[in-house]
PDB file of N, CA and C in Angstrom:
ATOM      1  N   UNK A   1       0.738  -1.345  -0.021  1.00  0.00           N
ATOM      2  CA  UNK A   1      -0.002   0.188   0.244  1.00  0.00           C
ATOM      3  C   UNK A   1       1.019   1.027   0.253  1.00  0.00           C
ATOM      4  N   UNK A   2       1.711   1.239   0.853  1.00  0.00           N
ATOM      5  CA  UNK A   2       2.824   2.221   1.008  1.00  0.00           C
ATOM      6  C   UNK A   2       3.525   2.471  -0.449  1.00  0.00           C
ATOM      7  N   UNK A   3       3.899   1.398  -1.027  1.00  0.00           N
ATOM      8  CA  UNK A   3       4.397   1.565  -2.291  1.00  0.00           C
ATOM      9  C   UNK A   3       3.607   2.139  -3.247  1.00  0.00           C
ATOM     10  N   UNK A   4       2.473   1.456  -3.636  1.00  0.00           N
ATOM     11  CA  UNK A   4       1.300   2.339  -4.400  1.00  0.00           C
ATOM     12  C   UNK A   4       1.365   3.877  -4.373  1.00  0.00           C
ATOM     13  N   UNK A   5       1.025   4.110  -2.687  1.00  0.00           N
ATOM     14  CA  UNK A   5       0.848   5.576  -2.774  1.00  0.00           C
ATOM     15  C   UNK A   5       2.197   6.603  -3.371  1.00  0.00           C
ATOM     16  N   UNK A   6       3.273   6.040  -3.251  1.00  0.00           N
ATOM     17  CA  UNK A   6       4.338   6.700  -3.409  1.00  0.00           C
ATOM     18  C   UNK A   6       4.422   6.769  -5.057  1.00  0.00           C
ATOM     19  N   UNK A   7       4.422   5.578  -5.480  1.00  0.00           N
ATOM     20  CA  UNK A   7       4.349   5.462  -7.249  1.00  0.00           C
ATOM     21  C   UNK A   7       2.951   6.687  -7.642  1.00  0.00           C
ATOM     22  N   UNK A   8       1.985   6.632  -6.973  1.00  0.00           N
ATOM     23  CA  UNK A   8       0.907   7.705  -7.021  1.00  0.00           C
ATOM     24  C   UNK A   8       1.348   8.928  -6.978  1.00  0.00           C
ATOM     25  N   UNK A   9       2.038   9.113  -5.924  1.00  0.00           N
ATOM     26  CA  UNK A   9       2.564  10.642  -5.737  1.00  0.00           C
ATOM     27  C   UNK A   9       3.688  10.883  -7.026  1.00  0.00           C
ATOM     28  N   UNK A  10       4.429  10.099  -7.253  1.00  0.00           N
ATOM     29  CA  UNK A  10       5.387  10.290  -8.518  1.00  0.00           C
ATOM     30  C   UNK A  10       5.028  10.697  -9.735  1.00  0.00           C
ATOM     31  N   UNK A  11       3.672   9.824  -9.841  1.00  0.00           N
ATOM     32  CA  UNK A  11       3.172  10.069 -11.165  1.00  0.00           C
ATOM     33  C   UNK A  11       2.305  11.284 -11.176  1.00  0.00           C
ATOM     34  N   UNK A  12       1.711  12.106  -9.896  1.00  0.00           N
ATOM     35  CA  UNK A  12       1.479  13.345  -9.831  1.00  0.00           C
ATOM     36  C   UNK A  12       2.739  14.045 -10.055  1.00  0.00           C
ATOM     37  N   UNK A  13       3.534  14.011  -9.275  1.00  0.00           N
ATOM     38  CA  UNK A  13       4.739  14.977  -9.735  1.00  0.00           C
ATOM     39  C   UNK A  13       5.139  15.015 -10.965  1.00  0.00           C
ATOM     40  N   UNK A  14       5.201  13.903 -11.620  1.00  0.00           N
ATOM     41  CA  UNK A  14       5.524  13.850 -13.072  1.00  0.00           C
ATOM     42  C   UNK A  14       4.573  14.639 -14.091  1.00  0.00           C
ATOM     43  N   UNK A  15       3.028  14.481 -13.844  1.00  0.00           N
ATOM     44  CA  UNK A  15       2.387  15.405 -14.620  1.00  0.00           C
ATOM     45  C   UNK A  15       2.657  16.888 -14.181  1.00  0.00           C
ATOM     46  N   UNK A  16       2.808  17.367 -12.879  1.00  0.00           N
ATOM     47  CA  UNK A  16       2.896  18.540 -12.854  1.00  0.00           C
ATOM     48  C   UNK A  16       4.291  18.932 -13.318  1.00  0.00           C
ATOM     49  N   UNK A  17       5.426  18.533 -13.236  1.00  0.00           N
ATOM     50  CA  UNK A  17       6.603  18.796 -13.947  1.00  0.00           C
ATOM     51  C   UNK A  17       6.601  18.936 -15.551  1.00  0.00           C
ATOM     52  N   UNK A  18       5.764  17.715 -16.017  1.00  0.00           N
ATOM     53  CA  UNK A  18       5.483  18.066 -17.480  1.00  0.00           C
ATOM     54  C   UNK A  18       4.768  19.087 -18.117  1.00  0.00           C
ATOM     55  N   UNK A  19       4.274  19.676 -17.145  1.00  0.00           N
ATOM     56  CA  UNK A  19       3.372  20.881 -17.617  1.00  0.00           C
ATOM     57  C   UNK A  19       4.026  22.150 -17.373  1.00  0.00           C
ATOM     58  N   UNK A  20       5.272  22.104 -17.133  1.00  0.00           N
ATOM     59  CA  UNK A  20       6.270  23.237 -17.148  1.00  0.00           C
ATOM     60  C   UNK A  20       6.592  23.569 -18.588  1.00  0.00           C
ATOM     61  N   UNK A  21       6.952  25.003 -18.594  1.00  0.00           N
ATOM     62  CA  UNK A  21       7.496  25.049 -20.034  1.00  0.00           C
ATOM     63  C   UNK A  21       8.831  24.534 -20.314  1.00  0.00           C
ATOM     64  N   UNK A  22       9.232  23.929 -21.341  1.00  0.00           N
ATOM     65  CA  UNK A  22      10.575  23.113 -21.694  1.00  0.00           C
ATOM     66  C   UNK A  22      11.505  24.413 -21.915  1.00  0.00           C
ATOM     67  N   UNK A  23      11.201  25.609 -22.401  1.00  0.00           N
ATOM     68  CA  UNK A  23      12.052  26.542 -23.139  1.00  0.00           C
ATOM     69  C   UNK A  23      12.612  27.267 -22.066  1.00  0.00           C
ATOM     70  N   UNK A  24      11.885  27.283 -20.714  1.00  0.00           N
ATOM     71  CA  UNK A  24      12.326  28.171 -19.716  1.00  0.00           C
ATOM     72  C   UNK A  24      13.786  27.778 -19.321  1.00  0.00           C
ATOM     73  N   UNK A  25      14.493  26.576 -19.397  1.00  0.00           N
ATOM     74  CA  UNK A  25      15.643  26.235 -18.699  1.00  0.00           C
ATOM     75  C   UNK A  25      16.791  26.993 -20.145  1.00  0.00           C
ATOM     76  N   UNK A  26      16.107  26.892 -21.418  1.00  0.00           N
ATOM     77  CA  UNK A  26      16.971  27.310 -22.087  1.00  0.00           C
ATOM     78  C   UNK A  26      17.333  28.919 -22.220  1.00  0.00           C
ATOM     79  N   UNK A  27      16.066  29.443 -21.801  1.00  0.00           N
ATOM     80  CA  UNK A  27      15.984  30.905 -21.750  1.00  0.00           C
ATOM     81  C   UNK A  27      17.003  31.586 -20.511  1.00  0.00           C
ATOM     82  N   UNK A  28      16.961  30.596 -19.423  1.00  0.00           N
ATOM     83  CA  UNK A  28      17.616  31.163 -18.400  1.00  0.00           C
ATOM     84  C   UNK A  28      18.952  30.939 -18.689  1.00  0.00           C
ATOM     85  N   UNK A  29      19.612  29.769 -19.470  1.00  0.00           N
ATOM     86  CA  UNK A  29      20.696  29.745 -19.723  1.00  0.00           C
ATOM     87  C   UNK A  29      21.129  30.855 -20.684  1.00  0.00           C
ATOM     88  N   UNK A  30      20.349  31.347 -21.521  1.00  0.00           N
ATOM     89  CA  UNK A  30      20.581  32.386 -22.197  1.00  0.00           C
ATOM     90  C   UNK A  30      20.983  33.522 -21.670  1.00  0.00           C
ATOM     91  N   UNK A  31      19.803  33.592 -20.664  1.00  0.00           N
ATOM     92  CA  UNK A  31      20.141  35.054 -19.692  1.00  0.00           C
ATOM     93  C   UNK A  31      21.289  34.890 -18.961  1.00  0.00           C
ATOM     94  N   UNK A  32      21.673  33.821 -18.474  1.00  0.00           N
ATOM     95  CA  UNK A  32      23.216  33.281 -17.761  1.00  0.00           C
ATOM     96  C   UNK A  32      24.289  33.668 -18.656  1.00  0.00           C
ATOM     97  N   UNK A  33      24.197  33.576 -20.124  1.00  0.00           N
ATOM     98  CA  UNK A  33      25.455  33.887 -20.772  1.00  0.00           C
ATOM     99  C   UNK A  33      25.438  35.568 -20.900  1.00  0.00           C
ATOM    100  N   UNK A  34      24.283  36.049 -21.231  1.00  0.00           N
ATOM    101  CA  UNK A  34      24.246  37.336 -21.279  1.00  0.00           C
ATOM    102  C   UNK A  34      24.719  38.200 -20.113  1.00  0.00           C
ATOM    103  N   UNK A  35      24.218  37.704 -19.123  1.00  0.00           N
ATOM    104  CA  UNK A  35      24.742  38.494 -17.602  1.00  0.00           C
ATOM    105  C   UNK A  35      26.187  38.108 -17.434  1.00  0.00           C
ATOM    106  N   UNK A  36      26.754  37.379 -17.688  1.00  0.00           N
ATOM    107  CA  UNK A  36      28.188  36.823 -17.716  1.00  0.00           C
ATOM    108  C   UNK A  36      28.897  38.028 -18.287  1.00  0.00           C
ATOM    109  N   UNK A  37      28.465  38.366 -19.897  1.00  0.00           N
ATOM    110  CA  UNK A  37      29.008  39.312 -20.572  1.00  0.00           C
ATOM    111  C   UNK A  37      29.168  40.466 -19.835  1.00  0.00           C
ATOM    112  N   UNK A  38      27.914  41.044 -19.300  1.00  0.00           N
ATOM    113  CA  UNK A  38      28.042  42.184 -19.022  1.00  0.00           C
ATOM    114  C   UNK A  38      28.352  42.291 -17.550  1.00  0.00           C
ATOM    115  N   UNK A  39      29.045  41.283 -16.974  1.00  0.00           N
ATOM    116  CA  UNK A  39      29.364  41.008 -15.683  1.00  0.00           C
ATOM    117  C   UNK A  39      28.480  41.552 -14.771  1.00  0.00           C
ATOM    118  N   UNK A  40      27.103  41.269 -14.607  1.00  0.00           N
ATOM    119  CA  UNK A  40      26.042  41.773 -14.052  1.00  0.00           C
ATOM    120  C   UNK A  40      25.562  40.739 -13.314  1.00  0.00           C
ATOM    121  N   UNK A  41      26.073  39.488 -13.063  1.00  0.00           N
ATOM    122  CA  UNK A  41      25.280  38.227 -12.485  1.00  0.00           C
ATOM    123  C   UNK A  41      25.728  38.422 -11.123  1.00  0.00           C
ATOM    124  N   UNK A  42      24.326  38.555 -10.423  1.00  0.00           N
ATOM    125  CA  UNK A  42      24.243  38.190  -8.857  1.00  0.00           C
ATOM    126  C   UNK A  42      24.160  36.940  -8.271  1.00  0.00           C
ATOM    127  N   UNK A  43      24.322  36.660  -7.203  1.00  0.00           N
ATOM    128  CA  UNK A  43      24.069  35.474  -6.506  1.00  0.00           C
ATOM    129  C   UNK A  43      22.827  34.961  -6.660  1.00  0.00           C
ATOM    130  N   UNK A  44      21.669  35.611  -6.709  1.00  0.00           N
ATOM    131  CA  UNK A  44      20.288  35.159  -6.794  1.00  0.00           C
ATOM    132  C   UNK A  44      20.042  34.709  -8.337  1.00  0.00           C
ATOM    133  N   UNK A  45      20.937  35.566  -8.988  1.00  0.00           N
ATOM    134  CA  UNK A  45      20.905  35.332 -10.521  1.00  0.00           C
ATOM    135  C   UNK A  45      21.002  33.787 -10.705  1.00  0.00           C
ATOM    136  N   UNK A  46      22.608  33.625 -10.057  1.00  0.00           N
ATOM    137  CA  UNK A  46      22.874  32.131 -10.162  1.00  0.00           C
ATOM    138  C   UNK A  46      22.182  31.058  -9.343  1.00  0.00           C
ATOM    139  N   UNK A  47      21.757  31.554  -8.310  1.00  0.00           N
ATOM    140  CA  UNK A  47      20.889  30.295  -7.768  1.00  0.00           C
ATOM    141  C   UNK A  47      19.255  30.144  -8.472  1.00  0.00           C
ATOM    142  N   UNK A  48      18.786  31.175  -9.513  1.00  0.00           N
ATOM    143  CA  UNK A  48      17.804  30.990  -9.871  1.00  0.00           C
ATOM    144  C   UNK A  48      17.989  29.995 -11.193  1.00  0.00           C
ATOM    145  N   UNK A  49      19.206  30.243 -11.820  1.00  0.00           N
ATOM    146  CA  UNK A  49      19.347  29.785 -12.694  1.00  0.00           C
ATOM    147  C   UNK A  49      19.945  28.148 -12.271  1.00  0.00           C
ATOM    148  N   UNK A  50      20.405  27.778 -11.031  1.00  0.00           N
ATOM    149  CA  UNK A  50      20.875  26.514 -10.765  1.00  0.00           C
ATOM    150  C   UNK A  50      19.645  25.893 -10.448  1.00  0.00           C
ATOM    151  N   UNK A  51      18.472  26.605 -10.002  1.00  0.00           N
ATOM    152  CA  UNK A  51      17.292  25.723  -9.532  1.00  0.00           C
ATOM    153  C   UNK A  51      16.261  25.440 -10.706  1.00  0.00           C
ATOM    154  N   UNK A  52      16.286  26.249 -11.812  1.00  0.00           N
ATOM    155  CA  UNK A  52      15.785  25.919 -13.175  1.00  0.00           C
ATOM    156  C   UNK A  52      16.216  24.802 -13.759  1.00  0.00           C
ATOM    157  N   UNK A  53      17.494  24.432 -13.546  1.00  0.00           N
ATOM    158  CA  UNK A  53      18.266  23.415 -14.052  1.00  0.00           C
ATOM    159  C   UNK A  53      18.128  22.120 -13.403  1.00  0.00           C
ATOM    160  N   UNK A  54      18.066  22.246 -11.956  1.00  0.00           N
ATOM    161  CA  UNK A  54      17.463  21.286 -11.236  1.00  0.00           C
ATOM    162  C   UNK A  54      16.266  20.792 -11.594  1.00  0.00           C
ATOM    163  N   UNK A  55      15.272  21.621 -11.657  1.00  0.00           N
ATOM    164  CA  UNK A  55      13.835  21.423 -11.855  1.00  0.00           C
ATOM    165  C   UNK A  55      13.831  20.682 -13.486  1.00  0.00           C
ATOM    166  N   UNK A  56      14.586  21.196 -14.396  1.00  0.00           N
ATOM    167  CA  UNK A  56      14.246  20.409 -15.611  1.00  0.00           C
ATOM    168  C   UNK A  56      15.172  18.954 -15.580  1.00  0.00           C
ATOM    169  N   UNK A  57      16.249  18.794 -14.626  1.00  0.00           N
ATOM    170  CA  UNK A  57      16.566  17.378 -14.454  1.00  0.00           C
ATOM    171  C   UNK A  57      15.594  16.585 -13.653  1.00  0.00           C
ATOM    172  N   UNK A  58      14.874  16.962 -12.988  1.00  0.00           N
ATOM    173  CA  UNK A  58      13.914  16.110 -12.161  1.00  0.00           C
ATOM    174  C   UNK A  58      12.547  16.045 -13.212  1.00  0.00           C
ATOM    175  N   UNK A  59      12.371  16.736 -14.104  1.00  0.00           N
ATOM    176  CA  UNK A  59      11.156  16.451 -14.987  1.00  0.00           C
ATOM    177  C   UNK A  59      11.777  15.579 -16.007  1.00  0.00           C
ATOM    178  N   UNK A  60      12.863  15.424 -16.354  1.00  0.00           N
ATOM    179  CA  UNK A  60      13.357  14.526 -17.530  1.00  0.00           C
ATOM    180  C   UNK A  60      13.547  13.100 -16.922  1.00  0.00           C
ATOM    181  N   UNK A  61      13.621  13.078 -15.416  1.00  0.00           N
ATOM    182  CA  UNK A  61      13.784  11.860 -14.647  1.00  0.00           C
ATOM    183  C   UNK A  61      12.501  11.294 -14.597  1.00  0.00           C
ATOM    184  N   UNK A  62      11.329  11.888 -14.409  1.00  0.00           N
ATOM    185  CA  UNK A  62       9.943  11.820 -14.081  1.00  0.00           C
ATOM    186  C   UNK A  62       9.315  11.366 -15.427  1.00  0.00           C
ATOM    187  N   UNK A  63       9.556  12.099 -16.528  1.00  0.00           N
ATOM    188  CA  UNK A  63       9.374  11.498 -18.134  1.00  0.00           C
ATOM    189  C   UNK A  63       9.941  10.309 -18.345  1.00  0.00           C
ATOM    190  N   UNK A  64      11.052  10.246 -17.879  1.00  0.00           N
ATOM    191  CA  UNK A  64      11.978   8.800 -18.523  1.00  0.00           C
ATOM    192  C   UNK A  64      11.182   7.288 -17.520  1.00  0.00           C
ATOM    193  N   UNK A  65      10.979   8.169 -16.254  1.00  0.00           N
ATOM    194  CA  UNK A  65      10.339   6.850 -15.586  1.00  0.00           C
ATOM    195  C   UNK A  65       9.000   6.304 -15.737  1.00  0.00           C
ATOM    196  N   UNK A  66       8.149   7.289 -16.223  1.00  0.00           N
ATOM    197  CA  UNK A  66       6.876   6.829 -16.676  1.00  0.00           C
ATOM    198  C   UNK A  66       6.740   6.338 -17.984  1.00  0.00           C
ATOM    199  N   UNK A  67       7.808   6.702 -18.788  1.00  0.00           N
ATOM    200  CA  UNK A  67       8.023   6.392 -20.328  1.00  0.00           C
ATOM    201  C   UNK A  67       8.634   4.647 -20.040  1.00  0.00           C
ATOM    202  N   UNK A  68       9.283   4.273 -19.059  1.00  0.00           N
ATOM    203  CA  UNK A  68       9.643   2.771 -18.773  1.00  0.00           C
ATOM    204  C   UNK A  68       8.445   2.097 -18.111  1.00  0.00           C
ATOM    205  N   UNK A  69       7.430   2.442 -17.318  1.00  0.00           N
ATOM    206  CA  UNK A  69       6.337   2.069 -16.967  1.00  0.00           C
ATOM    207  C   UNK A  69       5.377   1.709 -17.885  1.00  0.00           C
ATOM    208  N   UNK A  70       5.463   2.968 -18.855  1.00  0.00           N
ATOM    209  CA  UNK A  70       4.435   2.631 -20.055  1.00  0.00           C
ATOM    210  C   UNK A  70       4.977   1.301 -20.904  1.00  0.00           C
ATOM    211  N   UNK A  71       5.978   1.089 -21.011  1.00  0.00           N
ATOM    212  CA  UNK A  71       6.564  -0.256 -21.555  1.00  0.00           C
ATOM    213  C   UNK A  71       6.386  -1.402 -21.183  1.00  0.00           C
ATOM    214  N   UNK A  72       6.755  -1.247 -19.863  1.00  0.00           N
ATOM    215  CA  UNK A  72       6.471  -2.508 -19.198  1.00  0.00           C
ATOM    216  C   UNK A  72       5.091  -2.999 -18.705  1.00  0.00           C
ATOM    217  N   UNK A  73       4.376  -2.036 -18.141  1.00  0.00           N
ATOM    218  CA  UNK A  73       2.943  -2.199 -17.611  1.00  0.00           C
ATOM    219  C   UNK A  73       1.756  -1.198 -17.837  1.00  0.00           C
ATOM    220  N   UNK A  74       1.260  -1.443 -19.301  1.00  0.00           N
ATOM    221  CA  UNK A  74       0.332  -0.461 -19.594  1.00  0.00           C
ATOM    222  C   UNK A  74      -0.779  -0.136 -18.465  1.00  0.00           C
ATOM    223  N   UNK A  75      -1.255  -1.172 -18.007  1.00  0.00           N
ATOM    224  CA  UNK A  75      -2.348  -0.780 -17.119  1.00  0.00           C
ATOM    225  C   UNK A  75      -1.979  -0.057 -15.666  1.00  0.00           C
ATOM    226  N   UNK A  76      -0.758  -0.201 -15.129  1.00  0.00           N
ATOM    227  CA  UNK A  76      -0.027   0.758 -14.210  1.00  0.00           C
ATOM    228  C   UNK A  76       0.097   1.837 -14.557  1.00  0.00           C
ATOM    229  N   UNK A  77       0.594   2.358 -15.938  1.00  0.00           N
ATOM    230  CA  UNK A  77       0.633   3.475 -16.369  1.00  0.00           C
ATOM    231  C   UNK A  77      -0.600   4.234 -16.416  1.00  0.00           C
ATOM    232  N   UNK A  78      -1.587   3.659 -17.209  1.00  0.00           N
ATOM    233  CA  UNK A  78      -2.732   4.458 -17.148  1.00  0.00           C
ATOM    234  C   UNK A  78      -3.550   4.932 -15.591  1.00  0.00           C
ATOM    235  N   UNK A  79      -3.136   3.787 -14.804  1.00  0.00           N
ATOM    236  CA  UNK A  79      -3.718   4.123 -13.511  1.00  0.00           C
ATOM    237  C   UNK A  79      -2.831   5.400 -12.934  1.00  0.00           C
ATOM    238  N   UNK A  80      -1.539   5.464 -13.139  1.00  0.00           N
ATOM    239  CA  UNK A  80      -0.995   6.583 -12.889  1.00  0.00           C
ATOM    240  C   UNK A  80      -1.314   8.085 -13.439  1.00  0.00           C
ATOM    241  N   UNK A  81      -1.546   7.830 -14.894  1.00  0.00           N
ATOM    242  CA  UNK A  81      -2.044   9.119 -15.401  1.00  0.00           C
ATOM    243  C   UNK A  81      -3.563   9.669 -14.847  1.00  0.00           C
ATOM    244  N   UNK A  82      -4.574   8.507 -14.637  1.00  0.00           N
ATOM    245  CA  UNK A  82      -5.640   8.943 -14.378  1.00  0.00           C
ATOM    246  C   UNK A  82      -5.640   9.402 -12.935  1.00  0.00           C
ATOM    247  N   UNK A  83      -4.910   8.618 -12.051  1.00  0.00           N
ATOM    248  CA  UNK A  83      -4.749   9.101 -10.829  1.00  0.00           C
ATOM    249  C   UNK A  83      -4.209  10.775 -10.624  1.00  0.00           C
ATOM    250  N   UNK A  84      -3.084  10.994 -11.557  1.00  0.00           N
ATOM    251  CA  UNK A  84      -2.414  12.402 -11.363  1.00  0.00           C
ATOM    252  C   UNK A  84      -3.443  13.555 -12.249  1.00  0.00           C
ATOM    253  N   UNK A  85      -3.975  12.939 -12.965  1.00  0.00           N
ATOM    254  CA  UNK A  85      -4.980  13.806 -13.907  1.00  0.00           C
ATOM    255  C   UNK A  85      -6.178  14.527 -12.482  1.00  0.00           C
ATOM    256  N   UNK A  86      -6.649  13.391 -12.118  1.00  0.00           N
ATOM    257  CA  UNK A  86      -7.876  13.831 -11.014  1.00  0.00           C
ATOM    258  C   UNK A  86      -7.055  14.556  -9.591  1.00  0.00           C
ATOM    259  N   UNK A  87      -5.825  14.518  -9.442  1.00  0.00           N
ATOM    260  CA  UNK A  87      -5.421  15.282  -8.494  1.00  0.00           C
ATOM    261  C   UNK A  87      -4.719  16.606  -9.182  1.00  0.00           C
ATOM    262  N   UNK A  88      -4.462  17.048 -10.279  1.00  0.00           N
ATOM    263  CA  UNK A  88      -3.744  17.839 -10.933  1.00  0.00           C
ATOM    264  C   UNK A  88      -5.051  19.047 -11.113  1.00  0.00           C
ATOM    265  N   UNK A  89      -4.922  20.231 -10.483  1.00  0.00           N
ATOM    266  CA  UNK A  89      -5.744  21.017 -10.626  1.00  0.00           C
ATOM    267  C   UNK A  89      -5.150  21.870 -11.804  1.00  0.00           C
ATOM    268  N   UNK A  90      -3.955  22.081 -12.135  1.00  0.00           N
ATOM    269  CA  UNK A  90      -3.585  22.864 -12.919  1.00  0.00           C
ATOM    270  C   UNK A  90      -3.997  22.637 -14.446  1.00  0.00           C
ATOM    271  N   UNK A  91      -4.304  21.359 -14.532  1.00  0.00           N
ATOM    272  CA  UNK A  91      -5.034  21.162 -16.066  1.00  0.00           C
ATOM    273  C   UNK A  91      -6.611  21.321 -15.820  1.00  0.00           C
ATOM    274  N   UNK A  92      -7.050  21.573 -14.858  1.00  0.00           N
ATOM    275  CA  UNK A  92      -8.686  22.109 -14.898  1.00  0.00           C
ATOM    276  C   UNK A  92      -8.918  23.156 -15.614  1.00  0.00           C
ATOM    277  N   UNK A  93      -9.964  23.376 -16.299  1.00  0.00           N
ATOM    278  CA  UNK A  93     -10.392  24.556 -16.871  1.00  0.00           C
ATOM    279  C   UNK A  93     -11.093  25.622 -15.699  1.00  0.00           C
ATOM    280  N   UNK A  94     -10.729  26.654 -15.962  1.00  0.00           N
ATOM    281  CA  UNK A  94     -11.396  27.874 -15.122  1.00  0.00           C
ATOM    282  C   UNK A  94     -12.865  28.204 -14.979  1.00  0.00           C
TER     283      UNK A  94
END
């Protein structure tokens, strides 16, 4: 039971992460380069860029995790998606 709830949590997190913009990390990397050129990079800018890169790597892990589950057990994958969609308020229309 504990394992199932952990997997449902991971699936929910996966859908939340997948809903984020993929171009945001590229945009922040570009901004990082521009700031370095102007020598105006502050510590908070560096932390923001680091956090965006970490967020992107977590999203990629979650996507890969779901892809591997989809290949091995389609019913479990569908259960993850169904549960995550029912919990994800970001996808509900206003």
